[in-house]
Every structure is written in structure tokens, then in C-alpha cells.
């Protein structure tokens, strides 16, 4: 997953980007964080995904909170 750009075409394949949702997963070595229903732009041709900076900051906050809790599995929905 990459950070969002304002372009409407995919820089990888030239396909069209459209708004959608994705699932973000991170392995913390001692556990896993899964965030469902994350807003993202997705290429209709190759499937590459981008998230905007505000969403990335929220995902970072959720991940840091899960680290602090020391949970083996943390599942969150946005």
C-alpha cells in the first residue's frame, strides 16, 4: 500500500484509480494488527492501493496503541 497522490491514473500501470476500502495488516513480531474498512484509492487495473496522509497517521496511532497494549492480535475497523 502506498501513500496517496492526487492523480486519477495509476502511476504503475496507467489504470484508473477509484475510491474504495482495504484491510491494513502489520506484523509486530510479537503480534498482529488488522485494521479493516480502511479508506483507500485502488487501481481498477492492477489493484495497487494508496492511502492518504490522514489515514496513514491514524493507522500509525492504532499500531502504536496495539504495541503499547502488547496484544498478540488486535482487530480494529475504521
PDB file of N, CA and C in Angstrom:
ATOM      1  N   UNK A   1       0.845  -1.168   0.000  1.00  0.00           N
ATOM      2  CA  UNK A   1       0.000   0.000   0.000  1.00  0.00           C
ATOM      3  C   UNK A   1       0.891   1.232   0.000  1.00  0.00           C
ATOM      4  N   UNK A   2       0.579   2.189  -0.812  1.00  0.00           N
ATOM      5  CA  UNK A   2       1.383   3.398  -0.936  1.00  0.00           C
ATOM      6  C   UNK A   2       0.585   4.597  -0.457  1.00  0.00           C
ATOM      7  N   UNK A   3       1.286   5.704  -0.219  1.00  0.00           N
ATOM      8  CA  UNK A   3       0.600   6.932   0.143  1.00  0.00           C
ATOM      9  C   UNK A   3      -0.068   7.512  -1.085  1.00  0.00           C
ATOM     10  N   UNK A   4      -1.168   8.185  -0.873  1.00  0.00           N
ATOM     11  CA  UNK A   4      -2.000   8.687  -1.963  1.00  0.00           C
ATOM     12  C   UNK A   4      -1.349   9.849  -2.709  1.00  0.00           C
ATOM     13  N   UNK A   5      -1.602   9.888  -3.989  1.00  0.00           N
ATOM     14  CA  UNK A   5      -1.264  11.063  -4.778  1.00  0.00           C
ATOM     15  C   UNK A   5      -2.571  11.576  -5.348  1.00  0.00           C
ATOM     16  N   UNK A   6      -2.594  12.800  -5.817  1.00  0.00           N
ATOM     17  CA  UNK A   6      -3.836  13.401  -6.277  1.00  0.00           C
ATOM     18  C   UNK A   6      -4.170  13.008  -7.718  1.00  0.00           C
ATOM     19  N   UNK A   7      -3.302  12.263  -8.391  1.00  0.00           N
ATOM     20  CA  UNK A   7      -3.543  11.875  -9.775  1.00  0.00           C
ATOM     21  C   UNK A   7      -4.660  10.844  -9.844  1.00  0.00           C
ATOM     22  N   UNK A   8      -5.419  10.870 -10.948  1.00  0.00           N
ATOM     23  CA  UNK A   8      -6.518   9.926 -11.095  1.00  0.00           C
ATOM     24  C   UNK A   8      -6.110   8.672 -11.852  1.00  0.00           C
ATOM     25  N   UNK A   9      -4.881   8.630 -12.378  1.00  0.00           N
ATOM     26  CA  UNK A   9      -4.430   7.419 -13.056  1.00  0.00           C
ATOM     27  C   UNK A   9      -3.288   6.780 -12.271  1.00  0.00           C
ATOM     28  N   UNK A  10      -3.212   5.471 -12.364  1.00  0.00           N
ATOM     29  CA  UNK A  10      -2.202   4.701 -11.639  1.00  0.00           C
ATOM     30  C   UNK A  10      -0.819   4.962 -12.232  1.00  0.00           C
ATOM     31  N   UNK A  11       0.147   5.340 -11.395  1.00  0.00           N
ATOM     32  CA  UNK A  11       1.497   5.577 -11.902  1.00  0.00           C
ATOM     33  C   UNK A  11       2.224   4.277 -12.273  1.00  0.00           C
ATOM     34  N   UNK A  12       1.694   3.134 -11.858  1.00  0.00           N
ATOM     35  CA  UNK A  12       2.344   1.859 -12.149  1.00  0.00           C
ATOM     36  C   UNK A  12       1.913   1.272 -13.486  1.00  0.00           C
ATOM     37  N   UNK A  13       0.603   1.332 -13.775  1.00  0.00           N
ATOM     38  CA  UNK A  13       0.106   0.672 -14.983  1.00  0.00           C
ATOM     39  C   UNK A  13      -0.724   1.585 -15.882  1.00  0.00           C
ATOM     40  N   UNK A  14      -1.045   2.789 -15.401  1.00  0.00           N
ATOM     41  CA  UNK A  14      -1.856   3.715 -16.189  1.00  0.00           C
ATOM     42  C   UNK A  14      -3.350   3.494 -16.044  1.00  0.00           C
ATOM     43  N   UNK A  15      -3.754   2.527 -15.216  1.00  0.00           N
ATOM     44  CA  UNK A  15      -5.175   2.254 -14.973  1.00  0.00           C
ATOM     45  C   UNK A  15      -5.837   3.397 -14.218  1.00  0.00           C
ATOM     46  N   UNK A  16      -7.122   3.256 -14.013  1.00  0.00           N
ATOM     47  CA  UNK A  16      -7.904   4.295 -13.330  1.00  0.00           C
ATOM     48  C   UNK A  16      -7.956   3.999 -11.834  1.00  0.00           C
ATOM     49  N   UNK A  17      -7.721   5.043 -11.014  1.00  0.00           N
ATOM     50  CA  UNK A  17      -7.835   4.900  -9.569  1.00  0.00           C
ATOM     51  C   UNK A  17      -9.249   5.295  -9.152  1.00  0.00           C
ATOM     52  N   UNK A  18      -9.822   4.526  -8.212  1.00  0.00           N
ATOM     53  CA  UNK A  18     -11.137   4.867  -7.690  1.00  0.00           C
ATOM     54  C   UNK A  18     -11.152   4.647  -6.182  1.00  0.00           C
ATOM     55  N   UNK A  19     -12.042   5.356  -5.501  1.00  0.00           N
ATOM     56  CA  UNK A  19     -12.162   5.248  -4.049  1.00  0.00           C
ATOM     57  C   UNK A  19     -12.717   3.883  -3.678  1.00  0.00           C
ATOM     58  N   UNK A  20     -12.221   3.358  -2.569  1.00  0.00           N
ATOM     59  CA  UNK A  20     -12.693   2.074  -2.077  1.00  0.00           C
ATOM     60  C   UNK A  20     -12.245   1.864  -0.644  1.00  0.00           C
ATOM     61  N   UNK A  21     -12.230   0.625  -0.226  1.00  0.00           N
ATOM     62  CA  UNK A  21     -11.824   0.244   1.124  1.00  0.00           C
ATOM     63  C   UNK A  21     -10.831  -0.904   1.030  1.00  0.00           C
ATOM     64  N   UNK A  22      -9.968  -1.003   2.033  1.00  0.00           N
ATOM     65  CA  UNK A  22      -8.978  -2.079   2.071  1.00  0.00           C
ATOM     66  C   UNK A  22      -8.789  -2.545   3.505  1.00  0.00           C
ATOM     67  N   UNK A  23      -8.002  -3.578   3.680  1.00  0.00           N
ATOM     68  CA  UNK A  23      -7.615  -4.063   5.000  1.00  0.00           C
ATOM     69  C   UNK A  23      -6.115  -3.854   5.157  1.00  0.00           C
ATOM     70  N   UNK A  24      -5.736  -3.256   6.283  1.00  0.00           N
ATOM     71  CA  UNK A  24      -4.334  -2.975   6.595  1.00  0.00           C
ATOM     72  C   UNK A  24      -3.882  -3.979   7.650  1.00  0.00           C
ATOM     73  N   UNK A  25      -2.758  -4.640   7.413  1.00  0.00           N
ATOM     74  CA  UNK A  25      -2.228  -5.626   8.352  1.00  0.00           C
ATOM     75  C   UNK A  25      -0.756  -5.341   8.604  1.00  0.00           C
ATOM     76  N   UNK A  26      -0.351  -5.424   9.864  1.00  0.00           N
ATOM     77  CA  UNK A  26       1.055  -5.244  10.207  1.00  0.00           C
ATOM     78  C   UNK A  26       1.454  -6.309  11.221  1.00  0.00           C
ATOM     79  N   UNK A  27       2.634  -6.922  10.992  1.00  0.00           N
ATOM     80  CA  UNK A  27       3.191  -7.926  11.893  1.00  0.00           C
ATOM     81  C   UNK A  27       4.164  -7.223  12.826  1.00  0.00           C
ATOM     82  N   UNK A  28       3.887  -7.276  14.124  1.00  0.00           N
ATOM     83  CA  UNK A  28       4.719  -6.594  15.114  1.00  0.00           C
ATOM     84  C   UNK A  28       5.766  -7.507  15.734  1.00  0.00           C
ATOM     85  N   UNK A  29       5.975  -8.675  15.213  1.00  0.00           N
ATOM     86  CA  UNK A  29       6.874  -9.731  15.681  1.00  0.00           C
ATOM     87  C   UNK A  29       6.309 -10.469  16.897  1.00  0.00           C
ATOM     88  N   UNK A  30       5.642  -9.783  17.798  1.00  0.00           N
ATOM     89  CA  UNK A  30       5.001 -10.452  18.938  1.00  0.00           C
ATOM     90  C   UNK A  30       3.497 -10.584  18.733  1.00  0.00           C
ATOM     91  N   UNK A  31       2.988  -9.947  17.705  1.00  0.00           N
ATOM     92  CA  UNK A  31       1.556  -9.976  17.443  1.00  0.00           C
ATOM     93  C   UNK A  31       1.231  -9.356  16.095  1.00  0.00           C
ATOM     94  N   UNK A  32      -0.057  -9.328  15.790  1.00  0.00           N
ATOM     95  CA  UNK A  32      -0.525  -8.827  14.503  1.00  0.00           C
ATOM     96  C   UNK A  32      -1.629  -7.805  14.738  1.00  0.00           C
ATOM     97  N   UNK A  33      -1.601  -6.722  13.952  1.00  0.00           N
ATOM     98  CA  UNK A  33      -2.667  -5.727  13.969  1.00  0.00           C
ATOM     99  C   UNK A  33      -3.371  -5.786  12.621  1.00  0.00           C
ATOM    100  N   UNK A  34      -4.694  -5.873  12.660  1.00  0.00           N
ATOM    101  CA  UNK A  34      -5.504  -5.875  11.443  1.00  0.00           C
ATOM    102  C   UNK A  34      -6.504  -4.740  11.560  1.00  0.00           C
ATOM    103  N   UNK A  35      -6.490  -3.849  10.581  1.00  0.00           N
ATOM    104  CA  UNK A  35      -7.452  -2.750  10.549  1.00  0.00           C
ATOM    105  C   UNK A  35      -8.299  -2.925   9.300  1.00  0.00           C
ATOM    106  N   UNK A  36      -9.586  -3.122   9.497  1.00  0.00           N
ATOM    107  CA  UNK A  36     -10.496  -3.368   8.383  1.00  0.00           C
ATOM    108  C   UNK A  36     -11.221  -2.088   8.001  1.00  0.00           C
ATOM    109  N   UNK A  37     -11.719  -2.065   6.783  1.00  0.00           N
ATOM    110  CA  UNK A  37     -12.550  -0.968   6.290  1.00  0.00           C
ATOM    111  C   UNK A  37     -11.780   0.353   6.197  1.00  0.00           C
ATOM    112  N   UNK A  38     -10.523   0.283   5.781  1.00  0.00           N
ATOM    113  CA  UNK A  38      -9.659   1.457   5.663  1.00  0.00           C
ATOM    114  C   UNK A  38      -9.932   2.152   4.321  1.00  0.00           C
ATOM    115  N   UNK A  39     -10.240   3.450   4.331  1.00  0.00           N
ATOM    116  CA  UNK A  39     -10.452   4.154   3.067  1.00  0.00           C
ATOM    117  C   UNK A  39      -9.156   4.210   2.255  1.00  0.00           C
ATOM    118  N   UNK A  40      -9.263   3.917   0.969  1.00  0.00           N
ATOM    119  CA  UNK A  40      -8.089   3.901   0.102  1.00  0.00           C
ATOM    120  C   UNK A  40      -8.506   4.152  -1.338  1.00  0.00           C
ATOM    121  N   UNK A  41      -7.542   4.557  -2.137  1.00  0.00           N
ATOM    122  CA  UNK A  41      -7.729   4.616  -3.582  1.00  0.00           C
ATOM    123  C   UNK A  41      -7.154   3.322  -4.130  1.00  0.00           C
ATOM    124  N   UNK A  42      -7.841   2.736  -5.112  1.00  0.00           N
ATOM    125  CA  UNK A  42      -7.410   1.447  -5.664  1.00  0.00           C
ATOM    126  C   UNK A  42      -7.423   1.515  -7.181  1.00  0.00           C
ATOM    127  N   UNK A  43      -6.384   0.968  -7.802  1.00  0.00           N
ATOM    128  CA  UNK A  43      -6.318   0.907  -9.255  1.00  0.00           C
ATOM    129  C   UNK A  43      -7.257  -0.198  -9.735  1.00  0.00           C
ATOM    130  N   UNK A  44      -8.120   0.138 -10.683  1.00  0.00           N
ATOM    131  CA  UNK A  44      -9.072  -0.840 -11.200  1.00  0.00           C
ATOM    132  C   UNK A  44      -8.392  -1.869 -12.105  1.00  0.00           C
ATOM    133  N   UNK A  45      -7.176  -1.567 -12.548  1.00  0.00           N
ATOM    134  CA  UNK A  45      -6.475  -2.480 -13.456  1.00  0.00           C
ATOM    135  C   UNK A  45      -5.516  -3.419 -12.722  1.00  0.00           C
ATOM    136  N   UNK A  46      -4.597  -2.874 -11.920  1.00  0.00           N
ATOM    137  CA  UNK A  46      -3.575  -3.716 -11.280  1.00  0.00           C
ATOM    138  C   UNK A  46      -3.840  -3.989  -9.798  1.00  0.00           C
ATOM    139  N   UNK A  47      -4.769  -3.252  -9.184  1.00  0.00           N
ATOM    140  CA  UNK A  47      -5.120  -3.491  -7.789  1.00  0.00           C
ATOM    141  C   UNK A  47      -4.245  -2.792  -6.763  1.00  0.00           C
ATOM    142  N   UNK A  48      -3.236  -2.041  -7.199  1.00  0.00           N
ATOM    143  CA  UNK A  48      -2.390  -1.303  -6.253  1.00  0.00           C
ATOM    144  C   UNK A  48      -3.271  -0.344  -5.449  1.00  0.00           C
ATOM    145  N   UNK A  49      -2.907  -0.118  -4.177  1.00  0.00           N
ATOM    146  CA  UNK A  49      -3.710   0.721  -3.289  1.00  0.00           C
ATOM    147  C   UNK A  49      -2.896   1.859  -2.715  1.00  0.00           C
ATOM    148  N   UNK A  50      -3.577   2.977  -2.435  1.00  0.00           N
ATOM    149  CA  UNK A  50      -2.963   4.155  -1.833  1.00  0.00           C
ATOM    150  C   UNK A  50      -3.855   4.653  -0.721  1.00  0.00           C
ATOM    151  N   UNK A  51      -3.233   5.111   0.361  1.00  0.00           N
ATOM    152  CA  UNK A  51      -3.977   5.734   1.448  1.00  0.00           C
ATOM    153  C   UNK A  51      -3.490   7.167   1.599  1.00  0.00           C
ATOM    154  N   UNK A  52      -4.372   8.038   2.086  1.00  0.00           N
ATOM    155  CA  UNK A  52      -3.959   9.436   2.253  1.00  0.00           C
ATOM    156  C   UNK A  52      -3.192   9.600   3.568  1.00  0.00           C
ATOM    157  N   UNK A  53      -2.588  10.760   3.736  1.00  0.00           N
ATOM    158  CA  UNK A  53      -1.724  11.006   4.899  1.00  0.00           C
ATOM    159  C   UNK A  53      -2.482  10.949   6.217  1.00  0.00           C
ATOM    160  N   UNK A  54      -3.720  11.457   6.253  1.00  0.00           N
ATOM    161  CA  UNK A  54      -4.508  11.428   7.488  1.00  0.00           C
ATOM    162  C   UNK A  54      -4.816   9.985   7.889  1.00  0.00           C
ATOM    163  N   UNK A  55      -5.153   9.146   6.923  1.00  0.00           N
ATOM    164  CA  UNK A  55      -5.426   7.736   7.201  1.00  0.00           C
ATOM    165  C   UNK A  55      -4.159   7.032   7.666  1.00  0.00           C
ATOM    166  N   UNK A  56      -3.032   7.337   7.033  1.00  0.00           N
ATOM    167  CA  UNK A  56      -1.751   6.745   7.440  1.00  0.00           C
ATOM    168  C   UNK A  56      -1.425   7.116   8.885  1.00  0.00           C
ATOM    169  N   UNK A  57      -1.689   8.352   9.266  1.00  0.00           N
ATOM    170  CA  UNK A  57      -1.436   8.786  10.642  1.00  0.00           C
ATOM    171  C   UNK A  57      -2.332   8.028  11.621  1.00  0.00           C
ATOM    172  N   UNK A  58      -3.577   7.809  11.248  1.00  0.00           N
ATOM    173  CA  UNK A  58      -4.491   7.057  12.106  1.00  0.00           C
ATOM    174  C   UNK A  58      -4.047   5.595  12.233  1.00  0.00           C
ATOM    175  N   UNK A  59      -3.595   4.999  11.146  1.00  0.00           N
ATOM    176  CA  UNK A  59      -3.085   3.628  11.192  1.00  0.00           C
ATOM    177  C   UNK A  59      -1.850   3.533  12.079  1.00  0.00           C
ATOM    178  N   UNK A  60      -0.998   4.536  12.015  1.00  0.00           N
ATOM    179  CA  UNK A  60       0.190   4.569  12.871  1.00  0.00           C
ATOM    180  C   UNK A  60      -0.209   4.678  14.337  1.00  0.00           C
ATOM    181  N   UNK A  61      -1.215   5.502  14.632  1.00  0.00           N
ATOM    182  CA  UNK A  61      -1.696   5.647  16.006  1.00  0.00           C
ATOM    183  C   UNK A  61      -2.249   4.314  16.520  1.00  0.00           C
ATOM    184  N   UNK A  62      -3.057   3.652  15.699  1.00  0.00           N
ATOM    185  CA  UNK A  62      -3.639   2.364  16.084  1.00  0.00           C
ATOM    186  C   UNK A  62      -2.541   1.326  16.317  1.00  0.00           C
ATOM    187  N   UNK A  63      -1.545   1.294  15.445  1.00  0.00           N
ATOM    188  CA  UNK A  63      -0.441   0.342  15.575  1.00  0.00           C
ATOM    189  C   UNK A  63       0.356   0.609  16.849  1.00  0.00           C
ATOM    190  N   UNK A  64       0.656   1.867  17.134  1.00  0.00           N
ATOM    191  CA  UNK A  64       1.400   2.208  18.349  1.00  0.00           C
ATOM    192  C   UNK A  64       0.619   1.853  19.606  1.00  0.00           C
ATOM    193  N   UNK A  65      -0.698   2.056  19.561  1.00  0.00           N
ATOM    194  CA  UNK A  65      -1.554   1.699  20.694  1.00  0.00           C
ATOM    195  C   UNK A  65      -1.536   0.188  20.921  1.00  0.00           C
ATOM    196  N   UNK A  66      -1.585  -0.582  19.845  1.00  0.00           N
ATOM    197  CA  UNK A  66      -1.539  -2.042  19.957  1.00  0.00           C
ATOM    198  C   UNK A  66      -0.188  -2.493  20.527  1.00  0.00           C
ATOM    199  N   UNK A  67       0.899  -1.849  20.103  1.00  0.00           N
ATOM    200  CA  UNK A  67       2.231  -2.168  20.647  1.00  0.00           C
ATOM    201  C   UNK A  67       2.260  -1.935  22.150  1.00  0.00           C
ATOM    202  N   UNK A  68       1.697  -0.796  22.573  1.00  0.00           N
ATOM    203  CA  UNK A  68       1.700  -0.453  23.992  1.00  0.00           C
ATOM    204  C   UNK A  68       0.893  -1.458  24.814  1.00  0.00           C
ATOM    205  N   UNK A  69      -0.173  -1.990  24.241  1.00  0.00           N
ATOM    206  CA  UNK A  69      -1.011  -2.978  24.928  1.00  0.00           C
ATOM    207  C   UNK A  69      -0.347  -4.339  24.972  1.00  0.00           C
ATOM    208  N   UNK A  70       0.564  -4.597  24.018  1.00  0.00           N
ATOM    209  CA  UNK A  70       1.243  -5.891  23.954  1.00  0.00           C
ATOM    210  C   UNK A  70       0.332  -7.030  23.531  1.00  0.00           C
ATOM    211  N   UNK A  71      -0.702  -6.726  22.797  1.00  0.00           N
ATOM    212  CA  UNK A  71      -1.657  -7.740  22.362  1.00  0.00           C
ATOM    213  C   UNK A  71      -1.074  -8.614  21.250  1.00  0.00           C
ATOM    214  N   UNK A  72      -1.428  -9.893  21.277  1.00  0.00           N
ATOM    215  CA  UNK A  72      -0.993 -10.782  20.200  1.00  0.00           C
ATOM    216  C   UNK A  72      -1.788 -10.521  18.928  1.00  0.00           C
ATOM    217  N   UNK A  73      -3.081 -10.243  19.100  1.00  0.00           N
ATOM    218  CA  UNK A  73      -3.932  -9.928  17.951  1.00  0.00           C
ATOM    219  C   UNK A  73      -4.799  -8.736  18.303  1.00  0.00           C
ATOM    220  N   UNK A  74      -4.797  -7.750  17.428  1.00  0.00           N
ATOM    221  CA  UNK A  74      -5.637  -6.559  17.595  1.00  0.00           C
ATOM    222  C   UNK A  74      -6.368  -6.352  16.265  1.00  0.00           C
ATOM    223  N   UNK A  75      -7.694  -6.392  16.303  1.00  0.00           N
ATOM    224  CA  UNK A  75      -8.504  -6.183  15.100  1.00  0.00           C
ATOM    225  C   UNK A  75      -9.374  -4.968  15.322  1.00  0.00           C
ATOM    226  N   UNK A  76      -9.274  -3.997  14.404  1.00  0.00           N
ATOM    227  CA  UNK A  76      -9.989  -2.729  14.511  1.00  0.00           C
ATOM    228  C   UNK A  76     -10.661  -2.449  13.186  1.00  0.00           C
ATOM    229  N   UNK A  77     -11.794  -1.759  13.219  1.00  0.00           N
ATOM    230  CA  UNK A  77     -12.442  -1.310  11.985  1.00  0.00           C
ATOM    231  C   UNK A  77     -12.524   0.207  12.006  1.00  0.00           C
ATOM    232  N   UNK A  78     -12.222   0.829  10.880  1.00  0.00           N
ATOM    233  CA  UNK A  78     -12.355   2.294  10.764  1.00  0.00           C
ATOM    234  C   UNK A  78     -13.726   2.645  10.294  1.00  0.00           C
TER     235      UNK A  78
END
